[in-house]
Amino acid sequence: LLGQGLNLVTGDYSRGAAGYWVENGEIAYPVEEVTIAGNLR
């Protein structure tokens, strides 16, 4: 995870991320330069 994208007052969450894309339960390929986001609730 990269960056500090969290608003503790609202729960809004957005972080840079790297890892792997998974298909049918198996790792398919590595992934970079994505952001995962949502609300912590």
PDB file of all heavy atoms in Angstrom:
ATOM      1  N   LEU A   1       0.839  -1.189   0.000  1.00  0.00           N
ATOM      2  CA  LEU A   1       0.000   0.000   0.000  1.00  0.00           C
ATOM      3  C   LEU A   1       0.876   1.241   0.000  1.00  0.00           C
ATOM      4  O   LEU A   1       1.936   1.268   0.638  1.00  0.00           O
ATOM      5  CB  LEU A   1      -0.920   0.024   1.221  1.00  0.00           C
ATOM      6  CG  LEU A   1      -2.048  -1.018   1.231  1.00  0.00           C
ATOM      7  CD1 LEU A   1      -2.732  -1.049   2.581  1.00  0.00           C
ATOM      8  CD2 LEU A   1      -3.057  -0.743   0.133  1.00  0.00           C
ATOM      9  N   LEU A   2       0.421   2.285  -0.689  1.00  0.00           N
ATOM     10  CA  LEU A   2       1.182   3.516  -0.826  1.00  0.00           C
ATOM     11  C   LEU A   2       0.303   4.694  -0.433  1.00  0.00           C
ATOM     12  O   LEU A   2      -0.909   4.677  -0.628  1.00  0.00           O
ATOM     13  CB  LEU A   2       1.662   3.697  -2.270  1.00  0.00           C
ATOM     14  CG  LEU A   2       2.416   2.510  -2.886  1.00  0.00           C
ATOM     15  CD1 LEU A   2       2.535   2.682  -4.393  1.00  0.00           C
ATOM     16  CD2 LEU A   2       3.793   2.378  -2.252  1.00  0.00           C
ATOM     17  N   GLY A   3       0.925   5.731   0.118  1.00  0.00           N
ATOM     18  CA  GLY A   3       0.176   6.932   0.443  1.00  0.00           C
ATOM     19  C   GLY A   3      -0.605   6.810   1.741  1.00  0.00           C
ATOM     20  O   GLY A   3      -0.639   5.767   2.385  1.00  0.00           O
ATOM     21  N   GLN A   4      -1.253   7.912   2.107  1.00  0.00           N
ATOM     22  CA  GLN A   4      -1.976   7.994   3.384  1.00  0.00           C
ATOM     23  C   GLN A   4      -3.397   8.493   3.161  1.00  0.00           C
ATOM     24  O   GLN A   4      -3.872   9.363   3.867  1.00  0.00           O
ATOM     25  CB  GLN A   4      -1.214   8.930   4.338  1.00  0.00           C
ATOM     26  CG  GLN A   4       0.200   8.515   4.628  1.00  0.00           C
ATOM     27  CD  GLN A   4       0.288   7.199   5.357  1.00  0.00           C
ATOM     28  OE1 GLN A   4      -0.555   6.882   6.189  1.00  0.00           O
ATOM     29  NE2 GLN A   4       1.310   6.411   5.066  1.00  0.00           N
ATOM     30  N   GLY A   5      -4.095   7.974   2.182  1.00  0.00           N
ATOM     31  CA  GLY A   5      -5.410   8.482   1.805  1.00  0.00           C
ATOM     32  C   GLY A   5      -6.529   8.028   2.712  1.00  0.00           C
ATOM     33  O   GLY A   5      -7.335   7.178   2.322  1.00  0.00           O
ATOM     34  N   LEU A   6      -6.610   8.593   3.904  1.00  0.00           N
ATOM     35  CA  LEU A   6      -7.672   8.236   4.838  1.00  0.00           C
ATOM     36  C   LEU A   6      -8.207   9.487   5.504  1.00  0.00           C
ATOM     37  O   LEU A   6      -7.453  10.285   6.042  1.00  0.00           O
ATOM     38  CB  LEU A   6      -7.153   7.272   5.915  1.00  0.00           C
ATOM     39  CG  LEU A   6      -8.101   6.995   7.087  1.00  0.00           C
ATOM     40  CD1 LEU A   6      -9.359   6.300   6.599  1.00  0.00           C
ATOM     41  CD2 LEU A   6      -7.418   6.184   8.166  1.00  0.00           C
ATOM     42  N   ASN A   7      -9.526   9.666   5.467  1.00  0.00           N
ATOM     43  CA  ASN A   7     -10.197  10.727   6.204  1.00  0.00           C
ATOM     44  C   ASN A   7     -10.893  10.066   7.380  1.00  0.00           C
ATOM     45  O   ASN A   7     -11.934   9.421   7.220  1.00  0.00           O
ATOM     46  CB  ASN A   7     -11.196  11.455   5.304  1.00  0.00           C
ATOM     47  CG  ASN A   7     -11.844  12.643   6.000  1.00  0.00           C
ATOM     48  OD1 ASN A   7     -12.049  12.639   7.217  1.00  0.00           O
ATOM     49  ND2 ASN A   7     -12.171  13.671   5.229  1.00  0.00           N
ATOM     50  N   LEU A   8     -10.330  10.205   8.574  1.00  0.00           N
ATOM     51  CA  LEU A   8     -10.856   9.501   9.736  1.00  0.00           C
ATOM     52  C   LEU A   8     -12.222  10.042  10.163  1.00  0.00           C
ATOM     53  O   LEU A   8     -13.007   9.333  10.787  1.00  0.00           O
ATOM     54  CB  LEU A   8      -9.868   9.606  10.904  1.00  0.00           C
ATOM     55  CG  LEU A   8      -9.989   8.539  12.001  1.00  0.00           C
ATOM     56  CD1 LEU A   8      -9.737   7.154  11.435  1.00  0.00           C
ATOM     57  CD2 LEU A   8      -9.013   8.830  13.130  1.00  0.00           C
ATOM     58  N   VAL A   9     -12.513  11.280   9.795  1.00  0.00           N
ATOM     59  CA  VAL A   9     -13.802  11.869  10.174  1.00  0.00           C
ATOM     60  C   VAL A   9     -14.939  11.241   9.384  1.00  0.00           C
ATOM     61  O   VAL A   9     -16.000  10.920   9.927  1.00  0.00           O
ATOM     62  CB  VAL A   9     -13.783  13.395   9.975  1.00  0.00           C
ATOM     63  CG1 VAL A   9     -15.147  13.990  10.295  1.00  0.00           C
ATOM     64  CG2 VAL A   9     -12.707  14.033  10.846  1.00  0.00           C
ATOM     65  N   THR A  10     -14.726  11.037   8.091  1.00  0.00           N
ATOM     66  CA  THR A  10     -15.779  10.491   7.235  1.00  0.00           C
ATOM     67  C   THR A  10     -15.636   8.993   6.989  1.00  0.00           C
ATOM     68  O   THR A  10     -16.596   8.332   6.595  1.00  0.00           O
ATOM     69  CB  THR A  10     -15.776  11.198   5.872  1.00  0.00           C
ATOM     70  OG1 THR A  10     -14.524  10.924   5.196  1.00  0.00           O
ATOM     71  CG2 THR A  10     -15.927  12.710   6.047  1.00  0.00           C
ATOM     72  N   GLY A  11     -14.411   8.465   7.173  1.00  0.00           N
ATOM     73  CA  GLY A  11     -14.147   7.067   6.862  1.00  0.00           C
ATOM     74  C   GLY A  11     -13.757   6.842   5.416  1.00  0.00           C
ATOM     75  O   GLY A  11     -13.496   5.701   5.013  1.00  0.00           O
ATOM     76  N   ASP A  12     -13.690   7.906   4.616  1.00  0.00           N
ATOM     77  CA  ASP A  12     -13.299   7.747   3.216  1.00  0.00           C
ATOM     78  C   ASP A  12     -11.861   7.250   3.121  1.00  0.00           C
ATOM     79  O   ASP A  12     -10.964   7.773   3.789  1.00  0.00           O
ATOM     80  CB  ASP A  12     -13.455   9.067   2.461  1.00  0.00           C
ATOM     81  CG  ASP A  12     -14.916   9.454   2.261  1.00  0.00           C
ATOM     82  OD1 ASP A  12     -15.766   8.554   2.273  1.00  0.00           O
ATOM     83  OD2 ASP A  12     -15.191  10.660   2.113  1.00  0.00           O
ATOM     84  N   TYR A  13     -11.651   6.268   2.256  1.00  0.00           N
ATOM     85  CA  TYR A  13     -10.381   5.534   2.201  1.00  0.00           C
ATOM     86  C   TYR A  13      -9.947   5.412   0.752  1.00  0.00           C
ATOM     87  O   TYR A  13     -10.729   4.976  -0.111  1.00  0.00           O
ATOM     88  CB  TYR A  13     -10.605   4.161   2.820  1.00  0.00           C
ATOM     89  CG  TYR A  13      -9.476   3.159   2.718  1.00  0.00           C
ATOM     90  CD1 TYR A  13      -8.541   3.027   3.736  1.00  0.00           C
ATOM     91  CD2 TYR A  13      -9.357   2.306   1.625  1.00  0.00           C
ATOM     92  CE1 TYR A  13      -7.523   2.087   3.671  1.00  0.00           C
ATOM     93  CE2 TYR A  13      -8.346   1.364   1.538  1.00  0.00           C
ATOM     94  CZ  TYR A  13      -7.431   1.258   2.569  1.00  0.00           C
ATOM     95  OH  TYR A  13      -6.428   0.316   2.499  1.00  0.00           O
ATOM     96  N   SER A  14      -8.701   5.805   0.459  1.00  0.00           N
ATOM     97  CA  SER A  14      -8.151   5.684  -0.891  1.00  0.00           C
ATOM     98  C   SER A  14      -6.643   5.517  -0.774  1.00  0.00           C
ATOM     99  O   SER A  14      -5.954   6.397  -0.261  1.00  0.00           O
ATOM    100  CB  SER A  14      -8.489   6.930  -1.713  1.00  0.00           C
ATOM    101  OG  SER A  14      -7.936   6.838  -3.007  1.00  0.00           O
ATOM    102  N   ARG A  15      -6.135   4.382  -1.243  1.00  0.00           N
ATOM    103  CA  ARG A  15      -4.705   4.096  -1.109  1.00  0.00           C
ATOM    104  C   ARG A  15      -4.147   3.591  -2.431  1.00  0.00           C
ATOM    105  O   ARG A  15      -4.780   2.782  -3.130  1.00  0.00           O
ATOM    106  CB  ARG A  15      -4.464   3.016  -0.049  1.00  0.00           C
ATOM    107  CG  ARG A  15      -4.949   3.332   1.348  1.00  0.00           C
ATOM    108  CD  ARG A  15      -4.101   4.368   2.069  1.00  0.00           C
ATOM    109  NE  ARG A  15      -2.720   3.999   2.161  1.00  0.00           N
ATOM    110  CZ  ARG A  15      -2.188   3.253   3.139  1.00  0.00           C
ATOM    111  NH1 ARG A  15      -2.975   2.777   4.090  1.00  0.00           N
ATOM    112  NH2 ARG A  15      -0.904   2.991   3.163  1.00  0.00           N
ATOM    113  N   GLY A  16      -2.953   4.055  -2.780  1.00  0.00           N
ATOM    114  CA  GLY A  16      -2.242   3.453  -3.894  1.00  0.00           C
ATOM    115  C   GLY A  16      -1.877   2.024  -3.524  1.00  0.00           C
ATOM    116  O   GLY A  16      -1.609   1.724  -2.358  1.00  0.00           O
ATOM    117  N   ALA A  17      -1.870   1.126  -4.509  1.00  0.00           N
ATOM    118  CA  ALA A  17      -1.648  -0.282  -4.208  1.00  0.00           C
ATOM    119  C   ALA A  17      -0.897  -0.982  -5.328  1.00  0.00           C
ATOM    120  O   ALA A  17      -0.878  -0.534  -6.481  1.00  0.00           O
ATOM    121  CB  ALA A  17      -2.985  -0.993  -3.969  1.00  0.00           C
ATOM    122  N   ALA A  18      -0.271  -2.081  -4.963  1.00  0.00           N
ATOM    123  CA  ALA A  18       0.372  -2.986  -5.926  1.00  0.00           C
ATOM    124  C   ALA A  18       0.145  -4.402  -5.434  1.00  0.00           C
ATOM    125  O   ALA A  18      -0.099  -4.632  -4.240  1.00  0.00           O
ATOM    126  CB  ALA A  18       1.865  -2.682  -6.050  1.00  0.00           C
ATOM    127  N   GLY A  19       0.205  -5.343  -6.329  1.00  0.00           N
ATOM    128  CA  GLY A  19      -0.015  -6.732  -5.940  1.00  0.00           C
ATOM    129  C   GLY A  19      -0.191  -7.622  -7.145  1.00  0.00           C
ATOM    130  O   GLY A  19       0.592  -7.534  -8.103  1.00  0.00           O
ATOM    131  N   TYR A  20      -1.253  -8.423  -7.149  1.00  0.00           N
ATOM    132  CA  TYR A  20      -1.452  -9.417  -8.206  1.00  0.00           C
ATOM    133  C   TYR A  20      -2.936  -9.532  -8.541  1.00  0.00           C
ATOM    134  O   TYR A  20      -3.784  -9.503  -7.646  1.00  0.00           O
ATOM    135  CB  TYR A  20      -0.932 -10.786  -7.760  1.00  0.00           C
ATOM    136  CG  TYR A  20       0.535 -10.752  -7.373  1.00  0.00           C
ATOM    137  CD1 TYR A  20       0.918 -10.414  -6.078  1.00  0.00           C
ATOM    138  CD2 TYR A  20       1.529 -11.007  -8.304  1.00  0.00           C
ATOM    139  CE1 TYR A  20       2.253 -10.345  -5.723  1.00  0.00           C
ATOM    140  CE2 TYR A  20       2.870 -10.941  -7.962  1.00  0.00           C
ATOM    141  CZ  TYR A  20       3.227 -10.610  -6.672  1.00  0.00           C
ATOM    142  OH  TYR A  20       4.552 -10.534  -6.327  1.00  0.00           O
ATOM    143  N   TRP A  21      -3.222  -9.666  -9.848  1.00  0.00           N
ATOM    144  CA  TRP A  21      -4.584  -9.952 -10.249  1.00  0.00           C
ATOM    145  C   TRP A  21      -4.801 -11.464 -10.173  1.00  0.00           C
ATOM    146  O   TRP A  21      -3.951 -12.244 -10.575  1.00  0.00           O
ATOM    147  CB  TRP A  21      -4.882  -9.446 -11.652  1.00  0.00           C
ATOM    148  CG  TRP A  21      -6.325  -9.637 -12.000  1.00  0.00           C
ATOM    149  CD1 TRP A  21      -6.867 -10.549 -12.839  1.00  0.00           C
ATOM    150  CD2 TRP A  21      -7.416  -8.907 -11.448  1.00  0.00           C
ATOM    151  NE1 TRP A  21      -8.233 -10.439 -12.864  1.00  0.00           N
ATOM    152  CE2 TRP A  21      -8.605  -9.431 -12.009  1.00  0.00           C
ATOM    153  CE3 TRP A  21      -7.513  -7.858 -10.531  1.00  0.00           C
ATOM    154  CZ2 TRP A  21      -9.864  -8.949 -11.674  1.00  0.00           C
ATOM    155  CZ3 TRP A  21      -8.764  -7.368 -10.212  1.00  0.00           C
ATOM    156  CH2 TRP A  21      -9.926  -7.908 -10.777  1.00  0.00           C
ATOM    157  N   VAL A  22      -5.924 -11.841  -9.620  1.00  0.00           N
ATOM    158  CA  VAL A  22      -6.249 -13.248  -9.408  1.00  0.00           C
ATOM    159  C   VAL A  22      -7.457 -13.625 -10.263  1.00  0.00           C
ATOM    160  O   VAL A  22      -8.457 -12.894 -10.297  1.00  0.00           O
ATOM    161  CB  VAL A  22      -6.544 -13.508  -7.912  1.00  0.00           C
ATOM    162  CG1 VAL A  22      -6.986 -14.946  -7.686  1.00  0.00           C
ATOM    163  CG2 VAL A  22      -5.315 -13.182  -7.064  1.00  0.00           C
ATOM    164  N   GLU A  23      -7.344 -14.743 -10.968  1.00  0.00           N
ATOM    165  CA  GLU A  23      -8.449 -15.276 -11.769  1.00  0.00           C
ATOM    166  C   GLU A  23      -8.689 -16.727 -11.378  1.00  0.00           C
ATOM    167  O   GLU A  23      -7.738 -17.510 -11.275  1.00  0.00           O
ATOM    168  CB  GLU A  23      -8.138 -15.208 -13.272  1.00  0.00           C
ATOM    169  CG  GLU A  23      -8.121 -13.806 -13.848  1.00  0.00           C
ATOM    170  CD  GLU A  23      -9.520 -13.236 -14.050  1.00  0.00           C
ATOM    171  OE1 GLU A  23     -10.505 -13.967 -13.784  1.00  0.00           O
ATOM    172  OE2 GLU A  23      -9.633 -12.057 -14.442  1.00  0.00           O
ATOM    173  N   ASN A  24      -9.948 -17.059 -11.149  1.00  0.00           N
ATOM    174  CA  ASN A  24     -10.321 -18.434 -10.804  1.00  0.00           C
ATOM    175  C   ASN A  24      -9.495 -18.991  -9.644  1.00  0.00           C
ATOM    176  O   ASN A  24      -9.092 -20.157  -9.643  1.00  0.00           O
ATOM    177  CB  ASN A  24     -10.186 -19.346 -12.034  1.00  0.00           C
ATOM    178  CG  ASN A  24     -11.098 -18.894 -13.165  1.00  0.00           C
ATOM    179  OD1 ASN A  24     -12.258 -18.545 -12.942  1.00  0.00           O
ATOM    180  ND2 ASN A  24     -10.562 -18.892 -14.381  1.00  0.00           N
ATOM    181  N   GLY A  25      -9.214 -18.121  -8.678  1.00  0.00           N
ATOM    182  CA  GLY A  25      -8.523 -18.550  -7.474  1.00  0.00           C
ATOM    183  C   GLY A  25      -7.028 -18.709  -7.601  1.00  0.00           C
ATOM    184  O   GLY A  25      -6.382 -19.198  -6.667  1.00  0.00           O
ATOM    185  N   GLU A  26      -6.444 -18.286  -8.712  1.00  0.00           N
ATOM    186  CA  GLU A  26      -4.999 -18.402  -8.903  1.00  0.00           C
ATOM    187  C   GLU A  26      -4.421 -17.073  -9.379  1.00  0.00           C
ATOM    188  O   GLU A  26      -5.076 -16.335 -10.130  1.00  0.00           O
ATOM    189  CB  GLU A  26      -4.667 -19.513  -9.907  1.00  0.00           C
ATOM    190  CG  GLU A  26      -5.061 -20.905  -9.424  1.00  0.00           C
ATOM    191  CD  GLU A  26      -4.578 -21.994 -10.368  1.00  0.00           C
ATOM    192  OE1 GLU A  26      -4.026 -21.648 -11.435  1.00  0.00           O
ATOM    193  OE2 GLU A  26      -4.760 -23.174 -10.034  1.00  0.00           O
ATOM    194  N   ILE A  27      -3.192 -16.787  -8.968  1.00  0.00           N
ATOM    195  CA  ILE A  27      -2.533 -15.553  -9.380  1.00  0.00           C
ATOM    196  C   ILE A  27      -2.291 -15.595 -10.885  1.00  0.00           C
ATOM    197  O   ILE A  27      -1.695 -16.541 -11.409  1.00  0.00           O
ATOM    198  CB  ILE A  27      -1.216 -15.360  -8.614  1.00  0.00           C
ATOM    199  CG1 ILE A  27      -1.510 -15.053  -7.144  1.00  0.00           C
ATOM    200  CG2 ILE A  27      -0.388 -14.232  -9.233  1.00  0.00           C
ATOM    201  CD1 ILE A  27      -0.279 -14.954  -6.267  1.00  0.00           C
ATOM    202  N   ALA A  28      -2.776 -14.544 -11.590  1.00  0.00           N
ATOM    203  CA  ALA A  28      -2.631 -14.480 -13.040  1.00  0.00           C
ATOM    204  C   ALA A  28      -1.417 -13.647 -13.453  1.00  0.00           C
ATOM    205  O   ALA A  28      -0.630 -14.073 -14.309  1.00  0.00           O
ATOM    206  CB  ALA A  28      -3.902 -13.905 -13.659  1.00  0.00           C
ATOM    207  N   TYR A  29      -1.237 -12.465 -12.851  1.00  0.00           N
ATOM    208  CA  TYR A  29      -0.111 -11.602 -13.204  1.00  0.00           C
ATOM    209  C   TYR A  29       0.011 -10.494 -12.165  1.00  0.00           C
ATOM    210  O   TYR A  29      -0.969 -10.158 -11.478  1.00  0.00           O
ATOM    211  CB  TYR A  29      -0.282 -10.997 -14.601  1.00  0.00           C
ATOM    212  CG  TYR A  29      -1.621 -10.340 -14.840  1.00  0.00           C
ATOM    213  CD1 TYR A  29      -1.877  -9.028 -14.431  1.00  0.00           C
ATOM    214  CD2 TYR A  29      -2.643 -11.030 -15.491  1.00  0.00           C
ATOM    215  CE1 TYR A  29      -3.104  -8.427 -14.652  1.00  0.00           C
ATOM    216  CE2 TYR A  29      -3.880 -10.436 -15.712  1.00  0.00           C
ATOM    217  CZ  TYR A  29      -4.106  -9.137 -15.304  1.00  0.00           C
ATOM    218  OH  TYR A  29      -5.319  -8.548 -15.519  1.00  0.00           O
ATOM    219  N   PRO A  30       1.216  -9.903 -12.038  1.00  0.00           N
ATOM    220  CA  PRO A  30       1.402  -8.794 -11.092  1.00  0.00           C
ATOM    221  C   PRO A  30       0.749  -7.517 -11.605  1.00  0.00           C
ATOM    222  O   PRO A  30       0.603  -7.311 -12.820  1.00  0.00           O
ATOM    223  CB  PRO A  30       2.922  -8.652 -11.002  1.00  0.00           C
ATOM    224  CG  PRO A  30       3.445  -9.255 -12.256  1.00  0.00           C
ATOM    225  CD  PRO A  30       2.483 -10.322 -12.671  1.00  0.00           C
ATOM    226  N   VAL A  31       0.354  -6.658 -10.685  1.00  0.00           N
ATOM    227  CA  VAL A  31      -0.352  -5.412 -10.997  1.00  0.00           C
ATOM    228  C   VAL A  31       0.336  -4.255 -10.283  1.00  0.00           C
ATOM    229  O   VAL A  31       0.805  -4.402  -9.151  1.00  0.00           O
ATOM    230  CB  VAL A  31      -1.823  -5.507 -10.533  1.00  0.00           C
ATOM    231  CG1 VAL A  31      -2.521  -4.160 -10.642  1.00  0.00           C
ATOM    232  CG2 VAL A  31      -2.559  -6.558 -11.342  1.00  0.00           C
ATOM    233  N   GLU A  32       0.399  -3.112 -10.948  1.00  0.00           N
ATOM    234  CA  GLU A  32       0.971  -1.919 -10.332  1.00  0.00           C
ATOM    235  C   GLU A  32       0.137  -0.691 -10.687  1.00  0.00           C
ATOM    236  O   GLU A  32      -0.723  -0.735 -11.558  1.00  0.00           O
ATOM    237  CB  GLU A  32       2.416  -1.716 -10.791  1.00  0.00           C
ATOM    238  CG  GLU A  32       2.554  -1.448 -12.281  1.00  0.00           C
ATOM    239  CD  GLU A  32       3.991  -1.261 -12.729  1.00  0.00           C
ATOM    240  OE1 GLU A  32       4.891  -1.250 -11.862  1.00  0.00           O
ATOM    241  OE2 GLU A  32       4.212  -1.112 -13.946  1.00  0.00           O
ATOM    242  N   GLU A  33       0.397   0.391  -9.977  1.00  0.00           N
ATOM    243  CA  GLU A  33      -0.203   1.701 -10.240  1.00  0.00           C
ATOM    244  C   GLU A  33      -1.725   1.653 -10.260  1.00  0.00           C
ATOM    245  O   GLU A  33      -2.378   2.099 -11.207  1.00  0.00           O
ATOM    246  CB  GLU A  33       0.347   2.291 -11.543  1.00  0.00           C
ATOM    247  CG  GLU A  33       1.832   2.579 -11.488  1.00  0.00           C
ATOM    248  CD  GLU A  33       2.353   3.224 -12.770  1.00  0.00           C
ATOM    249  OE1 GLU A  33       1.536   3.797 -13.519  1.00  0.00           O
ATOM    250  OE2 GLU A  33       3.560   3.147 -13.001  1.00  0.00           O
ATOM    251  N   VAL A  34      -2.299   1.110  -9.204  1.00  0.00           N
ATOM    252  CA  VAL A  34      -3.748   1.143  -9.041  1.00  0.00           C
ATOM    253  C   VAL A  34      -4.066   1.808  -7.710  1.00  0.00           C
ATOM    254  O   VAL A  34      -3.203   1.950  -6.837  1.00  0.00           O
ATOM    255  CB  VAL A  34      -4.380  -0.271  -9.081  1.00  0.00           C
ATOM    256  CG1 VAL A  34      -4.153  -0.917 -10.436  1.00  0.00           C
ATOM    257  CG2 VAL A  34      -3.832  -1.144  -7.958  1.00  0.00           C
ATOM    258  N   THR A  35      -5.294   2.196  -7.563  1.00  0.00           N
ATOM    259  CA  THR A  35      -5.791   2.765  -6.303  1.00  0.00           C
ATOM    260  C   THR A  35      -7.001   1.961  -5.858  1.00  0.00           C
ATOM    261  O   THR A  35      -7.878   1.653  -6.668  1.00  0.00           O
ATOM    262  CB  THR A  35      -6.187   4.243  -6.493  1.00  0.00           C
ATOM    263  OG1 THR A  35      -5.049   4.990  -6.907  1.00  0.00           O
ATOM    264  CG2 THR A  35      -6.723   4.826  -5.194  1.00  0.00           C
ATOM    265  N   ILE A  36      -7.015   1.593  -4.592  1.00  0.00           N
ATOM    266  CA  ILE A  36      -8.199   0.929  -4.041  1.00  0.00           C
ATOM    267  C   ILE A  36      -8.913   1.923  -3.139  1.00  0.00           C
ATOM    268  O   ILE A  36      -8.282   2.666  -2.388  1.00  0.00           O
ATOM    269  CB  ILE A  36      -7.830  -0.358  -3.275  1.00  0.00           C
ATOM    270  CG1 ILE A  36      -6.804  -0.091  -2.169  1.00  0.00           C
ATOM    271  CG2 ILE A  36      -7.294  -1.415  -4.239  1.00  0.00           C
ATOM    272  CD1 ILE A  36      -6.512  -1.316  -1.304  1.00  0.00           C
ATOM    273  N   ALA A  37     -10.245   1.955  -3.256  1.00  0.00           N
ATOM    274  CA  ALA A  37     -10.991   2.996  -2.553  1.00  0.00           C
ATOM    275  C   ALA A  37     -12.326   2.464  -2.059  1.00  0.00           C
ATOM    276  O   ALA A  37     -12.866   1.476  -2.560  1.00  0.00           O
ATOM    277  CB  ALA A  37     -11.210   4.199  -3.471  1.00  0.00           C
ATOM    278  N   GLY A  38     -12.859   3.163  -1.056  1.00  0.00           N
ATOM    279  CA  GLY A  38     -14.157   2.842  -0.487  1.00  0.00           C
ATOM    280  C   GLY A  38     -14.332   3.648   0.778  1.00  0.00           C
ATOM    281  O   GLY A  38     -13.585   4.589   1.043  1.00  0.00           O
ATOM    282  N   ASN A  39     -15.311   3.289   1.568  1.00  0.00           N
ATOM    283  CA  ASN A  39     -15.490   3.892   2.882  1.00  0.00           C
ATOM    284  C   ASN A  39     -15.256   2.811   3.922  1.00  0.00           C
ATOM    285  O   ASN A  39     -15.712   1.676   3.764  1.00  0.00           O
ATOM    286  CB  ASN A  39     -16.889   4.480   3.033  1.00  0.00           C
ATOM    287  CG  ASN A  39     -17.048   5.259   4.324  1.00  0.00           C
ATOM    288  OD1 ASN A  39     -17.280   4.674   5.382  1.00  0.00           O
ATOM    289  ND2 ASN A  39     -16.909   6.582   4.245  1.00  0.00           N
ATOM    290  N   LEU A  40     -14.533   3.155   4.981  1.00  0.00           N
ATOM    291  CA  LEU A  40     -14.171   2.130   5.964  1.00  0.00           C
ATOM    292  C   LEU A  40     -15.389   1.471   6.607  1.00  0.00           C
ATOM    293  O   LEU A  40     -15.320   0.303   6.991  1.00  0.00           O
ATOM    294  CB  LEU A  40     -13.264   2.735   7.045  1.00  0.00           C
ATOM    295  CG  LEU A  40     -11.801   2.955   6.623  1.00  0.00           C
ATOM    296  CD1 LEU A  40     -11.028   3.630   7.752  1.00  0.00           C
ATOM    297  CD2 LEU A  40     -11.125   1.650   6.232  1.00  0.00           C
ATOM    298  N   ARG A  41     -16.502   2.180   6.715  1.00  0.00           N
ATOM    299  CA  ARG A  41     -17.700   1.524   7.224  1.00  0.00           C
ATOM    300  C   ARG A  41     -18.055   0.318   6.362  1.00  0.00           C
ATOM    301  O   ARG A  41     -18.335  -0.776   6.867  1.00  0.00           O
ATOM    302  CB  ARG A  41     -18.878   2.503   7.231  1.00  0.00           C
ATOM    303  CG  ARG A  41     -18.817   3.580   8.291  1.00  0.00           C
ATOM    304  CD  ARG A  41     -20.095   4.400   8.252  1.00  0.00           C
ATOM    305  NE  ARG A  41     -20.053   5.519   9.166  1.00  0.00           N
ATOM    306  CZ  ARG A  41     -20.371   5.469  10.446  1.00  0.00           C
ATOM    307  NH1 ARG A  41     -20.754   4.318  10.970  1.00  0.00           N
ATOM    308  NH2 ARG A  41     -20.319   6.542  11.210  1.00  0.00           N
TER     309      ARG A  41
END
